Amino acid sequence: MTKSLTLDVNGASCLVRVDPDMPLALVLRNRLGLTGVKDGCGLGQCGACAVLVDGEPTLTCVRPAADFEGRRIETVEGLGTPEKPGPVQRALIEARAAQCGYCTPGIVVAVTGLLRKDPHPGESAIRAALEPHLCRCGAHPSVLRAVRALARAAPR
């Protein structure tokens, strides 16, 4: 059964006709072309499908798209571009904190959500925000360095 859903994605109202039980990650990738959202594990265990929903990092591979009507969704594409990366993206680039890049969009989303809530998070808050994000390349030490640098540089 398909249904028309209106989703607020990166500040734009998007009308999609999909099975309302289709996971949001698949709707964003396959229907809206927002390929920064990855469908890694399909179990909500790797963090690659993370987006901000009403400002909160949210895993979307196991949640139906219908759950997100009336909510504000931000994908990594809404947080910067290759030509003009956002602050988190720029910090990760400067720290050389991305290798294959598969996990990077979810990490950018998680760190953005954290820093919007607390521009000066402590080590435990940083680690808690990154805990759901699996990086098989082992870039976590570089990611942690980048996030710590952002926290130190944030205006007080």
C-alpha atoms as a PDB file:
ATOM      1  CA  MET A   1       0.000   0.000   0.000  1.00  0.00           C
ATOM      2  CA  THR A   2       1.433   3.383  -0.901  1.00  0.00           C
ATOM      3  CA  LYS A   3       0.577   6.658   0.728  1.00  0.00           C
ATOM      4  CA  SER A   4       1.558  10.265   0.165  1.00  0.00           C
ATOM      5  CA  LEU A   5       3.788  11.579   2.927  1.00  0.00           C
ATOM      6  CA  THR A   6       5.027  15.119   3.367  1.00  0.00           C
ATOM      7  CA  LEU A   7       8.460  15.270   4.921  1.00  0.00           C
ATOM      8  CA  ASP A   8      10.363  18.409   5.955  1.00  0.00           C
ATOM      9  CA  VAL A   9      13.904  17.631   4.769  1.00  0.00           C
ATOM     10  CA  ASN A  10      16.737  20.153   4.935  1.00  0.00           C
ATOM     11  CA  GLY A  11      14.226  22.995   5.090  1.00  0.00           C
ATOM     12  CA  ALA A  12      12.175  21.866   2.085  1.00  0.00           C
ATOM     13  CA  SER A  13       8.766  20.254   2.070  1.00  0.00           C
ATOM     14  CA  CYS A  14       9.021  16.974   0.159  1.00  0.00           C
ATOM     15  CA  LEU A  15       5.992  15.019  -0.997  1.00  0.00           C
ATOM     16  CA  VAL A  16       6.757  11.333  -1.494  1.00  0.00           C
ATOM     17  CA  ARG A  17       4.492   8.471  -2.406  1.00  0.00           C
ATOM     18  CA  VAL A  18       5.765   5.392  -0.597  1.00  0.00           C
ATOM     19  CA  ASP A  19       4.741   2.502   1.580  1.00  0.00           C
ATOM     20  CA  PRO A  20       4.474   4.289   4.957  1.00  0.00           C
ATOM     21  CA  ASP A  21       6.368   1.396   6.568  1.00  0.00           C
ATOM     22  CA  MET A  22       9.412   1.905   4.325  1.00  0.00           C
ATOM     23  CA  PRO A  23      12.365   2.924   6.514  1.00  0.00           C
ATOM     24  CA  LEU A  24      13.122   6.627   6.374  1.00  0.00           C
ATOM     25  CA  ALA A  25      16.742   5.895   5.375  1.00  0.00           C
ATOM     26  CA  LEU A  26      15.528   4.226   2.167  1.00  0.00           C
ATOM     27  CA  VAL A  27      13.072   7.030   1.390  1.00  0.00           C
ATOM     28  CA  LEU A  28      15.796   9.650   1.819  1.00  0.00           C
ATOM     29  CA  ARG A  29      18.327   7.735  -0.303  1.00  0.00           C
ATOM     30  CA  ASN A  30      16.198   6.110  -2.973  1.00  0.00           C
ATOM     31  CA  ARG A  31      13.313   8.538  -3.369  1.00  0.00           C
ATOM     32  CA  LEU A  32      14.918  11.870  -2.524  1.00  0.00           C
ATOM     33  CA  GLY A  33      18.482  11.162  -3.703  1.00  0.00           C
ATOM     34  CA  LEU A  34      20.091  12.077  -0.366  1.00  0.00           C
ATOM     35  CA  THR A  35      22.809   9.461  -0.548  1.00  0.00           C
ATOM     36  CA  GLY A  36      24.721  10.769   2.459  1.00  0.00           C
ATOM     37  CA  VAL A  37      22.247   8.699   4.468  1.00  0.00           C
ATOM     38  CA  LYS A  38      23.653   5.176   4.378  1.00  0.00           C
ATOM     39  CA  ASP A  39      21.810   1.912   4.869  1.00  0.00           C
ATOM     40  CA  GLY A  40      24.671   0.127   6.585  1.00  0.00           C
ATOM     41  CA  CYS A  41      23.441  -2.626   8.861  1.00  0.00           C
ATOM     42  CA  GLY A  42      19.672  -2.204   8.523  1.00  0.00           C
ATOM     43  CA  LEU A  43      19.440  -2.939  12.250  1.00  0.00           C
ATOM     44  CA  GLY A  44      20.087   0.452  13.872  1.00  0.00           C
ATOM     45  CA  GLN A  45      23.487  -0.690  15.120  1.00  0.00           C
ATOM     46  CA  CYS A  46      26.107   1.083  12.979  1.00  0.00           C
ATOM     47  CA  GLY A  47      24.979   4.740  12.905  1.00  0.00           C
ATOM     48  CA  ALA A  48      25.422   5.199   9.149  1.00  0.00           C
ATOM     49  CA  CYS A  49      21.732   6.086   8.741  1.00  0.00           C
ATOM     50  CA  ALA A  50      21.758   8.932  11.280  1.00  0.00           C
ATOM     51  CA  VAL A  51      19.962  12.189  10.564  1.00  0.00           C
ATOM     52  CA  LEU A  52      18.887  15.010  12.832  1.00  0.00           C
ATOM     53  CA  VAL A  53      15.175  14.902  13.661  1.00  0.00           C
ATOM     54  CA  ASP A  54      14.007  18.034  15.436  1.00  0.00           C
ATOM     55  CA  GLY A  55      17.673  18.552  16.313  1.00  0.00           C
ATOM     56  CA  GLU A  56      18.250  15.077  17.776  1.00  0.00           C
ATOM     57  CA  PRO A  57      20.525  12.496  16.123  1.00  0.00           C
ATOM     58  CA  THR A  58      18.208   9.669  15.072  1.00  0.00           C
ATOM     59  CA  LEU A  59      18.874   6.311  13.419  1.00  0.00           C
ATOM     60  CA  THR A  60      16.507   5.854  10.493  1.00  0.00           C
ATOM     61  CA  CYS A  61      17.109   2.417   8.991  1.00  0.00           C
ATOM     62  CA  VAL A  62      14.545   0.696  11.223  1.00  0.00           C
ATOM     63  CA  ARG A  63      11.981   3.483  11.638  1.00  0.00           C
ATOM     64  CA  PRO A  64       9.107   3.862   9.164  1.00  0.00           C
ATOM     65  CA  ALA A  65       8.998   7.067   7.133  1.00  0.00           C
ATOM     66  CA  ALA A  66       5.449   7.744   8.348  1.00  0.00           C
ATOM     67  CA  ASP A  67       6.868   8.321  11.859  1.00  0.00           C
ATOM     68  CA  PHE A  68       8.609  11.451  10.584  1.00  0.00           C
ATOM     69  CA  GLU A  69       5.711  13.453   9.141  1.00  0.00           C
ATOM     70  CA  GLY A  70       5.561  16.831  10.850  1.00  0.00           C
ATOM     71  CA  ARG A  71       9.148  16.532  12.087  1.00  0.00           C
ATOM     72  CA  ARG A  72      12.160  18.568  10.919  1.00  0.00           C
ATOM     73  CA  ILE A  73      14.721  16.278   9.259  1.00  0.00           C
ATOM     74  CA  GLU A  74      18.308  17.355   8.517  1.00  0.00           C
ATOM     75  CA  THR A  75      20.646  15.109   6.570  1.00  0.00           C
ATOM     76  CA  VAL A  76      24.375  15.580   6.140  1.00  0.00           C
ATOM     77  CA  GLU A  77      23.604  17.283   2.807  1.00  0.00           C
ATOM     78  CA  GLY A  78      21.871  20.051   4.787  1.00  0.00           C
ATOM     79  CA  LEU A  79      24.917  20.606   7.001  1.00  0.00           C
ATOM     80  CA  GLY A  80      27.411  21.623   4.311  1.00  0.00           C
ATOM     81  CA  THR A  81      28.593  20.993   0.790  1.00  0.00           C
ATOM     82  CA  PRO A  82      31.902  19.886  -0.722  1.00  0.00           C
ATOM     83  CA  GLU A  83      32.474  23.510  -1.780  1.00  0.00           C
ATOM     84  CA  LYS A  84      31.419  24.952   1.577  1.00  0.00           C
ATOM     85  CA  PRO A  85      31.718  22.339   4.314  1.00  0.00           C
ATOM     86  CA  GLY A  86      30.040  22.998   7.635  1.00  0.00           C
ATOM     87  CA  PRO A  87      32.152  23.396  10.770  1.00  0.00           C
ATOM     88  CA  VAL A  88      32.049  19.722  11.744  1.00  0.00           C
ATOM     89  CA  GLN A  89      32.861  18.613   8.207  1.00  0.00           C
ATOM     90  CA  ARG A  90      35.733  21.115   8.038  1.00  0.00           C
ATOM     91  CA  ALA A  91      37.140  19.893  11.376  1.00  0.00           C
ATOM     92  CA  LEU A  92      37.016  16.267  10.236  1.00  0.00           C
ATOM     93  CA  ILE A  93      38.761  17.187   6.978  1.00  0.00           C
ATOM     94  CA  GLU A  94      41.474  19.115   8.823  1.00  0.00           C
ATOM     95  CA  ALA A  95      42.011  16.209  11.239  1.00  0.00           C
ATOM     96  CA  ARG A  96      42.059  13.730   8.335  1.00  0.00           C
ATOM     97  CA  ALA A  97      39.382  11.876  10.244  1.00  0.00           C
ATOM     98  CA  ALA A  98      37.711  10.121   7.337  1.00  0.00           C
ATOM     99  CA  GLN A  99      39.107   7.165   5.490  1.00  0.00           C
ATOM    100  CA  CYS A 100      36.531   5.286   3.430  1.00  0.00           C
ATOM    101  CA  GLY A 101      33.863   7.835   4.411  1.00  0.00           C
ATOM    102  CA  TYR A 102      31.001   5.383   4.882  1.00  0.00           C
ATOM    103  CA  CYS A 103      30.474   6.262   8.552  1.00  0.00           C
ATOM    104  CA  THR A 104      31.367   9.925   8.176  1.00  0.00           C
ATOM    105  CA  PRO A 105      27.883  11.330   7.396  1.00  0.00           C
ATOM    106  CA  GLY A 106      26.412   9.718  10.515  1.00  0.00           C
ATOM    107  CA  ILE A 107      29.313  10.992  12.603  1.00  0.00           C
ATOM    108  CA  VAL A 108      28.877  14.520  11.203  1.00  0.00           C
ATOM    109  CA  VAL A 109      25.193  14.377  12.149  1.00  0.00           C
ATOM    110  CA  ALA A 110      25.915  13.079  15.664  1.00  0.00           C
ATOM    111  CA  VAL A 111      28.622  15.659  16.372  1.00  0.00           C
ATOM    112  CA  THR A 112      26.494  18.490  14.968  1.00  0.00           C
ATOM    113  CA  GLY A 113      23.613  17.488  17.236  1.00  0.00           C
ATOM    114  CA  LEU A 114      25.946  17.314  20.240  1.00  0.00           C
ATOM    115  CA  LEU A 115      27.606  20.685  19.611  1.00  0.00           C
ATOM    116  CA  ARG A 116      24.288  22.440  19.021  1.00  0.00           C
ATOM    117  CA  LYS A 117      23.176  21.320  22.481  1.00  0.00           C
ATOM    118  CA  ASP A 118      26.522  21.801  24.197  1.00  0.00           C
ATOM    119  CA  PRO A 119      29.247  23.730  22.365  1.00  0.00           C
ATOM    120  CA  HIS A 120      31.779  22.661  25.019  1.00  0.00           C
ATOM    121  CA  PRO A 121      31.089  18.986  25.696  1.00  0.00           C
ATOM    122  CA  GLY A 122      33.339  16.979  27.955  1.00  0.00           C
ATOM    123  CA  GLU A 123      35.043  13.768  26.962  1.00  0.00           C
ATOM    124  CA  SER A 124      32.232  11.535  28.251  1.00  0.00           C
ATOM    125  CA  ALA A 125      29.585  13.463  26.289  1.00  0.00           C
ATOM    126  CA  ILE A 126      31.676  13.285  23.112  1.00  0.00           C
ATOM    127  CA  ARG A 127      32.178   9.547  23.495  1.00  0.00           C
ATOM    128  CA  ALA A 128      28.489   8.990  24.279  1.00  0.00           C
ATOM    129  CA  ALA A 129      27.454  10.885  21.130  1.00  0.00           C
ATOM    130  CA  LEU A 130      29.815   8.802  19.004  1.00  0.00           C
ATOM    131  CA  GLU A 131      29.089   5.452  20.676  1.00  0.00           C
ATOM    132  CA  PRO A 132      26.395   4.363  18.157  1.00  0.00           C
ATOM    133  CA  HIS A 133      28.748   4.995  15.208  1.00  0.00           C
ATOM    134  CA  LEU A 134      30.805   2.103  13.926  1.00  0.00           C
ATOM    135  CA  CYS A 135      33.931   2.937  11.923  1.00  0.00           C
ATOM    136  CA  ARG A 136      35.595  -0.144  10.490  1.00  0.00           C
ATOM    137  CA  CYS A 137      38.589   1.886   9.254  1.00  0.00           C
ATOM    138  CA  GLY A 138      39.627   2.831  12.783  1.00  0.00           C
ATOM    139  CA  ALA A 139      39.337   6.604  12.364  1.00  0.00           C
ATOM    140  CA  HIS A 140      37.846   7.131  15.834  1.00  0.00           C
ATOM    141  CA  PRO A 141      41.025   8.635  17.371  1.00  0.00           C
ATOM    142  CA  SER A 142      41.117  11.279  14.617  1.00  0.00           C
ATOM    143  CA  VAL A 143      37.385  11.928  14.991  1.00  0.00           C
ATOM    144  CA  LEU A 144      37.821  12.423  18.739  1.00  0.00           C
ATOM    145  CA  ARG A 145      40.696  14.873  18.123  1.00  0.00           C
ATOM    146  CA  ALA A 146      38.545  16.845  15.673  1.00  0.00           C
ATOM    147  CA  VAL A 147      35.579  17.064  18.049  1.00  0.00           C
ATOM    148  CA  ARG A 148      37.789  18.089  20.969  1.00  0.00           C
ATOM    149  CA  ALA A 149      39.306  20.842  18.793  1.00  0.00           C
ATOM    150  CA  LEU A 150      35.838  22.088  17.856  1.00  0.00           C
ATOM    151  CA  ALA A 151      34.780  22.143  21.508  1.00  0.00           C
ATOM    152  CA  ARG A 152      37.910  24.102  22.501  1.00  0.00           C
ATOM    153  CA  ALA A 153      37.457  26.604  19.647  1.00  0.00           C
ATOM    154  CA  ALA A 154      33.771  27.319  20.297  1.00  0.00           C
ATOM    155  CA  PRO A 155      33.085  30.818  21.637  1.00  0.00           C
ATOM    156  CA  ARG A 156      32.437  30.973  25.373  1.00  0.00           C
END
